[in-house]
Protein backbone atom coordinates (compact mmCIF):
# COMPACT_ATOMS: atom_id res chain seq x y z
CA UNK A 1 0.65 -6.61 20.04
CA UNK A 2 0.64 -5.97 23.78
CA UNK A 3 -2.40 -7.59 25.30
CA UNK A 4 -4.43 -5.38 27.64
CA UNK A 5 -6.30 -7.69 30.05
CA UNK A 6 -8.45 -4.85 31.40
CA UNK A 7 -11.75 -3.92 29.81
CA UNK A 8 -11.19 -0.38 28.61
CA UNK A 9 -14.16 1.82 27.87
CA UNK A 10 -12.55 3.05 24.68
CA UNK A 11 -11.52 -0.38 23.39
CA UNK A 12 -13.26 -1.15 20.09
CA UNK A 13 -15.96 -3.77 20.39
CA UNK A 14 -15.41 -4.89 16.81
CA UNK A 15 -13.35 -3.83 13.79
CA UNK A 16 -14.86 -4.11 10.33
CA UNK A 17 -12.19 -4.21 7.61
CA UNK A 18 -12.66 -3.64 3.88
CA UNK A 19 -10.26 -4.41 1.05
CA UNK A 20 -10.40 -5.41 -2.60
CA UNK A 21 -8.57 -8.69 -2.07
CA UNK A 22 -8.90 -11.39 0.57
CA UNK A 23 -5.37 -12.78 0.19
CA UNK A 24 -1.86 -11.33 0.43
CA UNK A 25 -1.17 -10.46 -3.22
CA UNK A 26 0.91 -7.36 -2.58
CA UNK A 27 1.74 -4.60 -0.14
CA UNK A 28 -1.71 -3.42 1.01
CA UNK A 29 -3.40 -6.82 0.82
CA UNK A 30 -0.51 -8.37 2.79
CA UNK A 31 -0.84 -5.71 5.47
CA UNK A 32 -4.56 -6.36 5.81
CA UNK A 33 -3.76 -9.97 6.66
CA UNK A 34 -1.13 -8.86 9.18
CA UNK A 35 -3.64 -6.54 10.83
CA UNK A 36 -6.28 -9.27 11.04
CA UNK A 37 -3.78 -11.53 12.80
CA UNK A 38 -2.74 -8.84 15.27
CA UNK A 39 -6.31 -7.83 16.11
CA UNK A 40 -7.34 -11.40 16.73
CA UNK A 41 -4.23 -12.01 18.86
CA UNK A 42 -5.44 -9.38 21.32
CA UNK A 43 -9.02 -10.61 21.26
CA UNK A 44 -10.69 -7.90 19.19
CA UNK A 45 -13.50 -9.38 17.03
CA UNK A 46 -13.06 -8.80 13.29
CA UNK A 47 -15.46 -8.72 10.35
CA UNK A 48 -13.74 -8.69 6.95
CA UNK A 49 -15.49 -7.62 3.74
CA UNK A 50 -13.43 -8.55 0.67
CA UNK A 51 -14.24 -7.57 -2.89
CA UNK A 52 -13.29 -10.96 -4.35
CA UNK A 53 -14.73 -14.45 -3.83
CA UNK A 54 -12.45 -15.31 -0.91
CA UNK A 55 -11.43 -18.68 -2.33
CA UNK A 56 -8.07 -18.59 -0.53
CA UNK A 57 -9.13 -17.00 2.75
CA UNK A 58 -8.71 -19.64 5.43
CA UNK A 59 -9.17 -18.02 8.86
CA UNK A 60 -12.09 -19.37 10.88
CA UNK A 61 -11.80 -16.81 13.70
CA UNK A 62 -13.06 -13.94 11.53
CA UNK A 63 -16.53 -13.14 10.25
CA UNK A 64 -15.66 -13.20 6.56
CA UNK A 65 -18.00 -11.73 3.93
CA UNK A 66 -16.82 -12.04 0.31
CA UNK A 67 -18.61 -9.78 -2.17
CA UNK A 68 -17.73 -11.97 -5.18
CA UNK A 69 -16.56 -9.16 -7.42
CA UNK A 70 -14.00 -9.31 -10.21
CA UNK A 71 -11.05 -6.97 -10.72
CA UNK A 72 -12.03 -4.12 -13.01
CA UNK A 73 -9.28 -5.02 -15.47
CA UNK A 74 -10.88 -8.46 -15.89
CA UNK A 75 -14.30 -7.04 -16.69
CA UNK A 76 -15.61 -6.09 -20.11
CA UNK A 77 -15.51 -2.40 -20.99
CA UNK A 78 -19.25 -2.16 -20.32
CA UNK A 79 -18.93 -4.03 -17.01
CA UNK A 80 -16.12 -1.75 -15.82
CA UNK A 81 -18.05 1.34 -16.91
CA UNK A 82 -21.18 0.32 -15.01
CA UNK A 83 -20.37 -2.02 -12.11
CA UNK A 84 -17.02 -0.26 -11.70
CA UNK A 85 -18.91 2.87 -10.72
CA UNK A 86 -21.61 1.33 -8.58
CA UNK A 87 -22.03 -2.25 -7.42
CA UNK A 88 -25.53 -2.61 -5.91
CA UNK A 89 -24.80 -6.02 -4.38
CA UNK A 90 -21.80 -4.74 -2.47
CA UNK A 91 -23.66 -1.64 -1.31
CA UNK A 92 -26.62 -3.67 -0.03
CA UNK A 93 -24.41 -6.22 1.76
CA UNK A 94 -22.52 -3.54 3.70
CA UNK A 95 -25.59 -1.38 4.37
CA UNK A 96 -27.57 -4.33 5.70
CA UNK A 97 -24.71 -5.55 7.91
CA UNK A 98 -24.44 -2.09 9.47
CA UNK A 99 -28.19 -1.92 10.09
CA UNK A 100 -28.17 -5.30 11.83
CA UNK A 101 -24.89 -5.16 13.75
CA UNK A 102 -23.55 -1.65 14.27
CA UNK A 103 -22.78 -0.49 17.81
CA UNK A 104 -21.21 2.72 19.13
CA UNK A 105 -18.02 0.72 19.73
CA UNK A 106 -17.67 -0.64 16.19
CA UNK A 107 -14.86 0.79 14.04
CA UNK A 108 -14.81 0.65 10.23
CA UNK A 109 -11.44 0.56 8.48
CA UNK A 110 -11.24 0.80 4.69
CA UNK A 111 -7.89 -0.13 3.16
CA UNK A 112 -8.31 -0.31 -0.62
CA UNK A 113 -11.30 -0.07 -2.97
CA UNK A 114 -9.91 0.91 -6.38
CA UNK A 115 -9.37 -2.56 -7.92
CA UNK A 116 -12.70 -4.34 -7.22
CA UNK A 117 -14.83 -2.36 -4.79
CA UNK A 118 -16.65 0.78 -5.93
CA UNK A 119 -17.67 4.25 -4.70
CA UNK A 120 -21.03 2.80 -3.64
CA UNK A 121 -19.20 1.48 -0.58
CA UNK A 122 -18.97 5.08 0.69
CA UNK A 123 -22.74 5.45 0.50
CA UNK A 124 -23.15 2.38 2.71
CA UNK A 125 -20.57 3.70 5.18
CA UNK A 126 -21.92 7.24 5.34
CA UNK A 127 -24.08 6.65 8.44
CA UNK A 128 -20.97 5.54 10.39
CA UNK A 129 -18.48 8.01 8.95
CA UNK A 130 -17.62 9.33 12.44
CA UNK A 131 -16.11 5.88 13.13
CA UNK A 132 -14.66 5.31 9.66
CA UNK A 133 -10.88 5.25 9.13
CA UNK A 134 -9.31 5.21 5.67
CA UNK A 135 -5.79 3.98 4.91
CA UNK A 136 -3.58 5.90 2.49
CA UNK A 137 -1.82 3.01 0.76
CA UNK A 138 -2.18 5.19 -2.36
CA UNK A 139 -3.93 8.46 -3.27
CA UNK A 140 -7.21 7.10 -4.65
CA UNK A 141 -9.19 8.84 -1.91
CA UNK A 142 -8.54 12.17 -3.60
CA UNK A 143 -6.61 11.79 -6.91
CA UNK A 144 -8.37 10.17 -9.90
CA UNK A 145 -5.32 8.14 -11.00
CA UNK A 146 -4.29 7.40 -7.42
CA UNK A 147 -0.74 8.69 -7.71
CA UNK A 148 -0.52 12.49 -8.16
CA UNK A 149 1.61 11.56 -11.17
CA UNK A 150 1.39 12.39 -14.89
CA UNK A 151 2.23 9.06 -16.49
CA UNK A 152 2.57 10.43 -20.02
CA UNK A 153 5.01 13.16 -19.03
CA UNK A 154 6.62 11.02 -16.30
CA UNK A 155 6.47 13.78 -13.73
CA UNK A 156 4.74 14.48 -10.44
CA UNK A 157 1.45 16.36 -10.57
CA UNK A 158 0.50 19.16 -8.20
CA UNK A 159 -2.92 19.95 -9.62
CA UNK A 160 -5.94 20.02 -7.35
CA UNK A 161 -7.89 16.82 -8.07
CA UNK A 162 -11.06 17.36 -10.14
CA UNK A 163 -10.18 21.02 -10.79
CA UNK A 164 -10.59 22.25 -14.37
CA UNK A 165 -6.85 21.90 -14.93
CA UNK A 166 -6.94 18.35 -13.57
CA UNK A 167 -9.85 17.35 -15.78
CA UNK A 168 -8.05 18.70 -18.85
CA UNK A 169 -4.85 16.79 -18.01
CA UNK A 170 -4.34 13.48 -19.82
CA UNK A 171 -2.37 11.98 -16.95
CA UNK A 172 -3.72 8.42 -16.82
CA UNK A 173 -1.35 5.60 -17.76
CA UNK A 174 -3.93 4.07 -20.13
CA UNK A 175 -5.83 6.87 -21.90
CA UNK A 176 -7.65 10.16 -21.50
CA UNK A 177 -10.96 8.29 -21.64
CA UNK A 178 -9.89 6.26 -18.60
CA UNK A 179 -8.84 9.48 -16.88
CA UNK A 180 -12.36 10.83 -17.34
CA UNK A 181 -13.87 7.57 -16.08
CA UNK A 182 -11.62 7.62 -13.02
CA UNK A 183 -12.55 11.26 -12.44
CA UNK A 184 -16.18 10.20 -12.50
CA UNK A 185 -15.42 7.54 -9.90
CA UNK A 186 -13.71 10.08 -7.65
CA UNK A 187 -16.58 12.54 -8.05
CA UNK A 188 -19.06 9.80 -7.23
CA UNK A 189 -17.04 8.79 -4.17
CA UNK A 190 -17.21 12.35 -2.88
CA UNK A 191 -20.91 12.67 -3.62
CA UNK A 192 -21.92 9.37 -2.04
CA UNK A 193 -19.63 9.74 0.95
CA UNK A 194 -20.51 13.34 1.73
CA UNK A 195 -17.35 15.17 0.68
CA UNK A 196 -13.71 14.77 -0.22
CA UNK A 197 -12.89 13.52 3.31
CA UNK A 198 -15.82 11.26 4.28
CA UNK A 199 -14.08 9.67 7.26
CA UNK A 200 -12.90 10.59 10.73
CA UNK A 201 -9.23 9.87 9.94
CA UNK A 202 -6.85 9.04 7.12
CA UNK A 203 -3.83 6.95 8.11
CA UNK A 204 -0.80 7.83 5.99
CA UNK A 205 1.93 5.26 5.43
CA UNK A 206 4.58 8.00 5.33
CA UNK A 207 4.52 11.57 6.70
CA UNK A 208 5.41 12.86 3.23
CA UNK A 209 1.94 11.97 1.99
CA UNK A 210 0.44 14.86 3.93
CA UNK A 211 1.37 17.33 1.18
CA UNK A 212 -0.46 15.56 -1.67
CA UNK A 213 -3.52 14.88 0.50
CA UNK A 214 -3.59 18.58 1.44
CA UNK A 215 -3.57 19.45 -2.27
CA UNK A 216 -6.53 17.09 -2.49
CA UNK A 217 -8.39 19.18 0.10
CA UNK A 218 -8.05 16.77 3.03
CA UNK A 219 -8.10 18.73 6.32
CA UNK A 220 -4.71 18.40 8.07
CA UNK A 221 -6.38 17.50 11.37
CA UNK A 222 -7.66 14.29 9.77
CA UNK A 223 -4.22 13.12 8.56
CA UNK A 224 -2.10 10.83 10.76
CA UNK A 225 1.12 9.05 9.79
CA UNK A 226 1.46 5.37 10.75
CA UNK A 227 4.51 3.90 9.05
CA UNK A 228 4.09 0.41 7.64
CA UNK A 229 5.51 -2.62 9.40
CA UNK A 230 8.49 -4.43 7.94
CA UNK A 231 9.56 -8.01 8.65
CA UNK A 232 12.75 -8.85 6.73
CA UNK A 233 12.30 -12.05 4.68
CA UNK A 234 15.83 -13.17 5.56
CA UNK A 235 16.35 -14.15 9.19
CA UNK A 236 20.13 -13.65 9.03
CA UNK A 237 22.06 -10.79 7.45
CA UNK A 238 22.69 -11.37 3.78
CA UNK A 239 26.44 -11.00 3.25
CA UNK A 240 25.80 -8.89 0.19
CA UNK A 241 29.47 -8.04 -0.18
CA UNK A 242 30.07 -11.68 -1.19
CA UNK A 243 27.28 -11.76 -3.80
CA UNK A 244 26.92 -10.51 -7.34
CA UNK A 245 23.98 -9.12 -9.22
CA UNK A 246 20.93 -6.88 -8.84
CA UNK A 247 17.40 -7.85 -7.82
CA UNK A 248 14.11 -6.10 -8.59
CA UNK A 249 11.12 -7.23 -6.48
CA UNK A 250 7.57 -6.14 -7.20
CA UNK A 251 4.99 -5.65 -9.90
CA UNK A 252 6.61 -5.59 -13.33
CA UNK A 253 4.86 -2.50 -14.60
CA UNK A 254 5.54 0.94 -16.03
CA UNK A 255 4.99 2.83 -12.77
CA UNK A 256 7.33 0.52 -10.84
CA UNK A 257 10.13 1.22 -13.32
CA UNK A 258 11.01 -2.39 -14.16
CA UNK A 259 12.17 -1.26 -17.61
CA UNK A 260 14.51 1.27 -16.01
CA UNK A 261 16.12 -1.49 -13.95
CA UNK A 262 16.49 -3.71 -17.03
CA UNK A 263 18.11 -0.98 -19.12
CA UNK A 264 20.42 0.28 -16.35
CA UNK A 265 21.63 -3.23 -15.49
CA UNK A 266 22.35 -3.93 -19.15
CA UNK A 267 24.29 -0.66 -19.48
CA UNK A 268 26.24 -1.42 -16.29
CA UNK A 269 27.00 -4.95 -17.46
CA UNK A 270 25.44 -6.52 -14.36
CA UNK A 271 23.12 -9.53 -14.03
CA UNK A 272 19.59 -8.62 -12.95
CA UNK A 273 16.83 -10.82 -11.53
CA UNK A 274 13.13 -9.89 -11.53
CA UNK A 275 10.86 -11.29 -8.83
CA UNK A 276 7.19 -10.67 -9.63
CA UNK A 277 4.90 -10.53 -12.61
CA UNK A 278 2.90 -7.94 -14.49
CA UNK A 279 1.99 -6.45 -17.82
CA UNK A 280 5.54 -5.52 -18.83
CA UNK A 281 7.29 -8.91 -18.67
CA UNK A 282 7.55 -9.40 -22.44
CA UNK A 283 8.86 -5.87 -22.92
CA UNK A 284 11.45 -6.28 -20.16
CA UNK A 285 12.68 -9.53 -21.71
CA UNK A 286 13.20 -7.68 -24.97
CA UNK A 287 15.05 -4.82 -23.26
CA UNK A 288 17.39 -7.17 -21.38
CA UNK A 289 17.54 -10.69 -22.88
CA UNK A 290 20.04 -11.77 -20.21
CA UNK A 291 17.74 -10.95 -17.29
CA UNK A 292 16.38 -13.73 -15.06
CA UNK A 293 12.64 -13.87 -14.34
CA UNK A 294 11.47 -15.83 -11.30
CA UNK A 295 7.81 -14.82 -11.46
CA UNK A 296 5.75 -14.17 -8.35
CA UNK A 297 7.30 -15.80 -5.29
CA UNK A 298 6.10 -16.54 -1.78
CA UNK A 299 8.03 -15.17 1.17
CA UNK A 300 10.51 -18.04 1.04
CA UNK A 301 11.16 -17.40 -2.64
CA UNK A 302 11.74 -13.70 -2.01
CA UNK A 303 14.19 -14.59 0.78
CA UNK A 304 16.13 -16.89 -1.57
CA UNK A 305 16.35 -14.16 -4.22
CA UNK A 306 17.58 -11.60 -1.69
CA UNK A 307 20.11 -14.06 -0.25
CA UNK A 308 21.87 -14.19 -3.63
CA UNK A 309 21.77 -10.44 -4.40
CA UNK A 310 24.41 -7.78 -3.94
CA UNK A 311 22.04 -4.87 -4.55
CA UNK A 312 18.27 -4.34 -4.73
CA UNK A 313 16.62 -1.58 -6.75
CA UNK A 314 13.35 0.34 -6.41
CA UNK A 315 13.24 2.59 -9.50
CA UNK A 316 9.57 3.61 -9.32
CA UNK A 317 8.52 6.40 -11.66
CA UNK A 318 5.99 7.83 -9.22
CA UNK A 319 6.51 9.02 -5.66
CA UNK A 320 6.30 5.62 -3.99
CA UNK A 321 4.51 6.34 -0.69
CA UNK A 322 6.49 3.84 1.35
CA UNK A 323 8.54 1.21 -0.45
CA UNK A 324 7.96 -2.00 1.47
CA UNK A 325 10.19 -4.06 -0.83
CA UNK A 326 13.09 -1.62 -0.32
CA UNK A 327 12.92 -1.81 3.45
CA UNK A 328 12.49 -5.59 3.40
CA UNK A 329 15.70 -5.79 1.36
CA UNK A 330 17.52 -3.35 3.64
CA UNK A 331 16.39 -5.25 6.74
CA UNK A 332 17.72 -8.44 5.16
CA UNK A 333 21.11 -6.80 4.62
CA UNK A 334 20.86 -5.93 0.91
CA UNK A 335 21.65 -2.28 0.06
CA UNK A 336 19.05 -0.49 -2.07
CA UNK A 337 19.23 1.99 -4.91
CA UNK A 338 15.91 3.85 -4.77
CA UNK A 339 14.31 6.39 -7.05
CA UNK A 340 14.74 9.87 -5.60
CA UNK A 341 10.98 10.31 -6.11
CA UNK A 342 10.17 7.71 -3.43
CA UNK A 343 9.25 9.33 -0.13
CA UNK A 344 11.63 7.08 1.78
CA UNK A 345 14.58 7.48 -0.62
CA UNK A 346 16.21 10.42 1.13
CA UNK A 347 15.89 8.67 4.48
CA UNK A 348 17.53 5.53 3.06
CA UNK A 349 20.49 7.52 1.76
CA UNK A 350 20.86 9.59 4.94
CA UNK A 351 20.85 6.47 7.11
CA UNK A 352 23.55 4.82 4.98
CA UNK A 353 21.32 1.96 3.83
CA UNK A 354 21.67 2.67 0.11
CA UNK A 355 21.46 5.39 -2.52
CA UNK A 356 18.84 7.87 -3.71
CA UNK A 357 19.22 8.28 -7.49
CA UNK A 358 17.29 9.82 -10.37
CA UNK A 359 16.58 6.39 -11.80
CA UNK A 360 14.75 7.82 -14.83
CA UNK A 361 18.20 8.99 -16.01
CA UNK A 362 19.45 5.63 -17.27
CA UNK A 363 23.08 6.72 -17.55
CA UNK A 364 23.13 8.05 -13.97
CA UNK A 365 21.27 4.98 -12.68
CA UNK A 366 23.67 2.59 -14.42
CA UNK A 367 26.72 4.52 -13.19
CA UNK A 368 25.51 4.45 -9.58
CA UNK A 369 24.70 0.76 -9.89
CA UNK A 370 28.11 -0.13 -11.32
CA UNK A 371 30.04 2.02 -8.85
CA UNK A 372 28.30 0.64 -5.76
CA UNK A 373 28.39 -2.93 -7.04
CA UNK A 374 32.17 -2.69 -7.43
CA UNK A 375 32.80 -1.41 -3.88
CA UNK A 376 32.99 -4.36 -1.45
CA UNK A 377 33.61 -2.20 1.62
CA UNK A 378 30.74 0.16 0.91
CA UNK A 379 28.31 -2.67 0.20
CA UNK A 380 29.34 -4.40 3.43
CA UNK A 381 28.90 -1.20 5.46
CA UNK A 382 25.45 -0.54 4.01
CA UNK A 383 24.46 -4.17 4.54
CA UNK A 384 25.41 -4.11 8.21
CA UNK A 385 23.84 -0.69 8.82
CA UNK A 386 20.57 -1.71 7.18
CA UNK A 387 20.30 -4.98 9.06
CA UNK A 388 20.98 -3.27 12.39
CA UNK A 389 18.82 -0.15 12.01
CA UNK A 390 16.15 -0.65 9.30
CA UNK A 391 13.48 -0.41 12.06
CA UNK A 392 14.18 3.33 12.42
CA UNK A 393 12.24 3.88 9.17
CA UNK A 394 9.30 1.60 9.89
CA UNK A 395 7.23 -0.22 12.48
CA UNK A 396 7.25 -3.82 13.56
CA UNK A 397 3.99 -5.68 13.03
CA UNK A 398 3.22 -5.32 16.74
CA UNK A 399 3.94 -1.59 17.06
CA UNK A 400 2.08 -0.90 13.79
CA UNK A 401 -1.04 -2.64 15.06
CA UNK A 402 -0.70 -0.89 18.43
CA UNK A 403 -0.70 2.50 16.70
CA UNK A 404 -3.72 1.58 14.60
CA UNK A 405 -5.66 0.36 17.62
CA UNK A 406 -4.81 3.69 19.25
CA UNK A 407 -6.63 5.40 16.38
CA UNK A 408 -9.54 3.00 16.78
CA UNK A 409 -9.78 3.99 20.44
CA UNK A 410 -9.70 7.66 19.50
CA UNK A 411 -12.73 7.38 17.22
CA UNK A 412 -14.81 5.34 19.66
CA UNK A 413 -13.82 7.30 22.78
CA UNK A 414 -16.59 9.95 22.37
CA UNK A 415 -19.13 7.13 22.53
CA UNK A 416 -17.57 5.37 25.54
CA UNK A 417 -19.99 6.80 28.18
CA UNK A 418 -22.98 5.48 26.23
CA UNK A 419 -21.40 2.04 25.98
CA UNK A 420 -20.64 1.91 29.69
CA UNK A 421 -24.22 2.98 30.51
CA UNK A 422 -25.53 0.18 28.32
CA UNK A 423 -23.32 -2.34 30.13
CA UNK A 424 -24.59 -1.18 33.52
CA UNK A 425 -28.18 -1.50 32.31
CA UNK A 426 -27.47 -4.95 30.87
CA UNK A 427 -28.54 -3.91 27.35
């Protein structure tokens, strides 16, 4: 981030971040850690509320407040039904912090709340909603299942969230009962926060998210696209044309399409490696007994897996809002075959970084995989193009944080005269 040595009237005095997890377990939680680092690098004070116990959070330059919650999937059915809707301890902690510490120059930035945190957080944040920014890592701030996707029918959903048609639709990946519970959570979020859009701004991770959020009744003037940052795990271009095999990186789950990758690789007769873990590991092993499973890897482990791959795949069943793993692979020099439902898929194909394929059609997916894998010249061209120009589809960590701080400044700017008056008065 570019450091501004001048005291600007619209510079945030403090940023208060909220997220389910305090460590980098995946896309959103990793980006929260990146943002913390960038904010501190330019001297902006940070308070971080995390839903978990914070056992692995190690920064000492941040006011860190763990709320000691458990993921909803680890709770009993009764615990998820009750504390998953409203967690009094979390509400009181945030409400009391705001009462003691809030200033006109404090910005509140909520990243993710669907795994541990609860709608009660929006009640605590309601008094500062004019300085609250939400981040659209998913669609949980409007759609009950967070995806605008009908998991049973494996198709996108265009129903207005919480409409009669929506409430009748059994779209949840677990059950209709869970759909109703999630609908209750979304209704409670709206009620406690003061409406469907209880924040000054929603930051989208891809411009294509504007359509679904509009269906969810978010005003267009509150929607702003800030593409995610990408830092390729491999520091040198992977010479993919000299490698063999396919790599899948991410959560091994139904919505990520791990089974589609396993089946297509088997049909194409190609070796496939899975990096990650999840609920579908046993099923994927059964579908493709020859597949290699590396489990969850740190950044070095991901780099080693990419360095040995010829192709990477992102066969998500739902409309992946960004596709961090795809762009990390492309930036490392590994061409990607992406589901045509992913918002970035068309851009990947147009830029010559890989292919956009209907990955739910196993025969078509396998054919595309086999054809590209067999073409040394095409793989080499895509590898070089991706390594050289991946940044056209994303931000760097520095430019991403700069854009976000620009939004912080925008929401505190109306209160700048009051802050300057207070400084002059010495209060």
